[in-house]
Protein backbone atom coordinates (compact mmCIF):
# COMPACT_ATOMS: atom_id res chain seq x y z
CA MET A 1 0.00 0.00 0.00
CA PRO A 2 1.49 3.37 -0.97
CA LEU A 3 0.67 5.00 2.39
CA GLU A 4 3.00 2.87 4.51
CA ILE A 5 5.38 4.72 6.81
CA GLY A 6 8.72 5.09 5.04
CA SER A 7 7.28 4.75 1.55
CA THR A 8 7.28 7.55 -1.00
CA LEU A 9 3.99 8.98 -2.21
CA ASN A 10 4.11 10.64 -5.59
CA LEU A 11 0.59 11.48 -6.75
CA GLN A 12 -0.29 13.25 -9.98
CA LEU A 13 -3.15 15.55 -9.03
CA ARG A 14 -5.10 18.44 -10.48
CA GLU A 15 -5.63 21.50 -8.32
CA ILE A 16 -9.04 22.97 -8.87
CA GLY A 17 -8.65 26.19 -10.80
CA GLY A 18 -4.89 25.77 -10.94
CA GLY A 19 -3.74 22.99 -13.23
CA ASP A 20 -1.55 20.00 -12.43
CA LEU A 21 -0.11 19.49 -8.95
CA ASN A 22 2.56 16.93 -8.22
CA LEU A 23 3.53 16.20 -4.61
CA ALA A 24 7.14 16.03 -5.79
CA ASP A 25 6.93 19.80 -6.37
CA TYR A 26 7.02 20.27 -2.59
CA ARG A 27 10.23 18.31 -2.09
CA GLU A 28 13.05 20.25 -0.48
CA THR A 29 10.66 23.12 0.33
CA SER A 30 7.80 21.92 2.52
CA ASN A 31 6.36 19.05 4.49
CA VAL A 32 2.90 18.18 3.18
CA PHE A 33 -0.23 16.88 4.89
CA VAL A 34 -2.79 15.52 2.44
CA TYR A 35 -6.25 15.12 3.91
CA PHE A 36 -8.47 12.78 1.90
CA MET A 37 -12.16 13.60 2.38
CA ARG A 38 -14.69 10.78 2.09
CA ALA A 39 -17.08 13.09 0.22
CA LEU A 40 -17.84 16.79 -0.01
CA SER A 41 -21.12 16.11 1.79
CA CYS A 42 -19.42 14.29 4.69
CA ALA A 43 -20.12 16.28 7.89
CA GLN A 44 -17.16 14.77 9.76
CA CYS A 45 -14.79 15.47 6.86
CA ASN A 46 -15.99 19.07 6.65
CA ALA A 47 -15.41 19.42 10.40
CA ALA A 48 -11.86 18.11 9.93
CA VAL A 49 -11.20 20.68 7.19
CA ARG A 50 -12.51 23.44 9.49
CA THR A 51 -10.16 22.22 12.22
CA LEU A 52 -7.23 22.20 9.79
CA ALA A 53 -8.13 25.75 8.69
CA ALA A 54 -8.14 26.85 12.33
CA GLN A 55 -4.66 25.27 12.67
CA GLN A 56 -3.36 26.91 9.49
CA ASP A 57 -0.88 29.28 11.18
CA GLU A 58 0.39 26.55 13.51
CA LEU A 59 0.87 24.13 10.62
CA ALA A 60 2.60 26.74 8.46
CA ALA A 61 4.95 27.59 11.34
CA ALA A 62 5.92 23.90 11.41
CA GLY A 63 6.60 23.99 7.67
CA VAL A 64 3.53 21.94 6.76
CA GLN A 65 1.47 22.67 3.65
CA VAL A 66 -2.05 21.22 3.78
CA ILE A 67 -3.72 19.83 0.66
CA VAL A 68 -7.31 18.59 0.65
CA ALA A 69 -8.12 15.75 -1.76
CA VAL A 70 -11.74 15.16 -2.73
CA PRO A 71 -13.24 12.29 -4.74
CA GLU A 72 -15.74 14.43 -6.65
CA ASP A 73 -15.27 16.25 -9.96
CA GLU A 74 -13.70 19.67 -10.46
CA ALA A 75 -16.99 21.60 -10.73
CA ALA A 76 -18.31 20.21 -7.43
CA ALA A 77 -14.94 20.73 -5.72
CA THR A 78 -14.70 24.32 -6.96
CA ALA A 79 -18.17 25.18 -5.66
CA TRP A 80 -17.46 23.50 -2.31
CA LYS A 81 -14.14 25.31 -1.85
CA ALA A 82 -15.71 28.70 -2.59
CA LYS A 83 -18.74 28.10 -0.35
CA ARG A 84 -16.61 26.89 2.58
CA GLY A 85 -13.75 29.37 2.11
CA VAL A 86 -11.17 26.59 2.23
CA PRO A 87 -7.71 28.22 2.48
CA PHE A 88 -5.79 25.20 1.15
CA PRO A 89 -5.25 23.79 -2.31
CA VAL A 90 -8.09 21.40 -3.14
CA VAL A 91 -7.20 18.59 -5.51
CA ILE A 92 -8.83 15.87 -7.52
CA GLY A 93 -7.17 12.96 -9.27
CA LYS A 94 -5.60 13.66 -12.63
CA ASP A 95 -6.76 10.26 -13.89
CA GLY A 96 -9.50 8.88 -11.67
CA THR A 97 -9.54 9.89 -8.02
CA ALA A 98 -6.64 10.89 -5.80
CA HIS A 99 -8.00 8.37 -3.32
CA ALA A 100 -7.64 5.47 -5.75
CA GLU A 101 -4.13 6.60 -6.73
CA ALA A 102 -3.15 6.60 -3.04
CA GLY A 103 -4.72 3.19 -2.41
CA LEU A 104 -7.74 4.36 -0.42
CA LEU A 105 -10.54 1.95 -1.20
CA ARG A 106 -14.30 2.01 -1.27
CA LYS A 107 -15.35 -0.38 1.52
CA VAL A 108 -18.60 -1.93 2.75
CA PHE A 109 -19.68 -3.26 -0.64
CA GLY A 110 -18.25 -0.19 -2.37
CA ALA A 111 -20.55 2.21 -0.55
CA ILE A 112 -18.08 4.00 1.76
CA GLN A 113 -14.96 5.77 0.52
CA GLN A 114 -12.02 5.55 2.91
CA SER A 115 -10.76 8.89 4.21
CA GLY A 116 -7.82 10.05 6.29
CA GLY A 117 -4.50 11.80 6.04
CA VAL A 118 -0.87 11.34 5.23
CA LEU A 119 2.10 13.50 6.30
CA LEU A 120 5.06 13.64 3.95
CA ASP A 121 8.44 15.06 4.87
CA GLN A 122 10.45 17.33 2.56
CA GLU A 123 11.86 14.26 0.82
CA GLY A 124 8.38 12.97 -0.03
CA THR A 125 8.58 10.11 2.49
CA VAL A 126 5.45 9.12 4.38
CA ARG A 127 6.03 9.96 8.06
CA TYR A 128 2.45 9.57 9.32
CA SER A 129 -0.56 7.85 7.83
CA HIS A 130 -4.04 7.36 9.20
CA ILE A 131 -6.76 5.90 7.01
CA SER A 132 -10.25 5.08 8.18
CA THR A 133 -13.46 3.69 6.77
CA ASN A 134 -15.30 5.52 9.56
CA PRO A 135 -15.25 9.21 8.57
CA GLY A 136 -15.58 10.28 12.19
CA ALA A 137 -12.14 8.78 12.80
CA SER A 138 -10.44 10.14 9.68
CA TYR A 139 -8.68 13.06 11.39
CA ASN A 140 -7.03 13.17 14.79
CA LYS A 141 -5.55 16.56 15.66
CA ALA A 142 -3.41 15.21 18.52
CA ASP A 143 -1.95 12.37 16.43
CA LEU A 144 -1.04 14.74 13.61
CA ALA A 145 0.51 17.21 16.07
CA ALA A 146 2.64 14.42 17.57
CA ALA A 147 3.75 13.30 14.09
CA ILE A 148 4.69 16.87 13.17
CA GLU A 149 6.59 17.28 16.42
CA THR A 150 8.54 14.09 15.73
CA LEU A 151 9.19 15.22 12.16
CA THR A 152 10.42 18.69 13.11
CA ALA A 153 12.56 17.28 15.95
CA SER A 154 14.25 14.84 13.57
CA THR A 155 14.96 17.53 10.96
CA ALA A 156 16.30 19.93 13.60
CA ALA A 157 18.77 17.30 14.87
């Protein structure tokens, strides 16, 4: 699975309203946290994005760029981003969904899209990964903070 700790994640994505986005573009410049929403209509996923937005300054101070990946099409993602005032790049898959490219499956007879997040260091290596079929468990602020603290401590050493 491409989201294993220590693996390299290199997704080809399309930023809504902005063209192609490759995670490799962030190498040597920024750590990246990609949050994979289950669906734009998912209340828990929207709450996680609001929490991430509230943490924006804290995450930026730690050198972390947040990217939100959604499984819907560009038109729906564009409308959602504008309505919610999402301050982060919002991406869709370049070919198919970003979720499928990253190995996040549709579970429970194909009815529920997995969601979660992955933290990449400046080399593009997965340092933290949490994937869940239960959207209420797809984001854990304390776990991400601990992973960022470990990441920044190891790069400072």
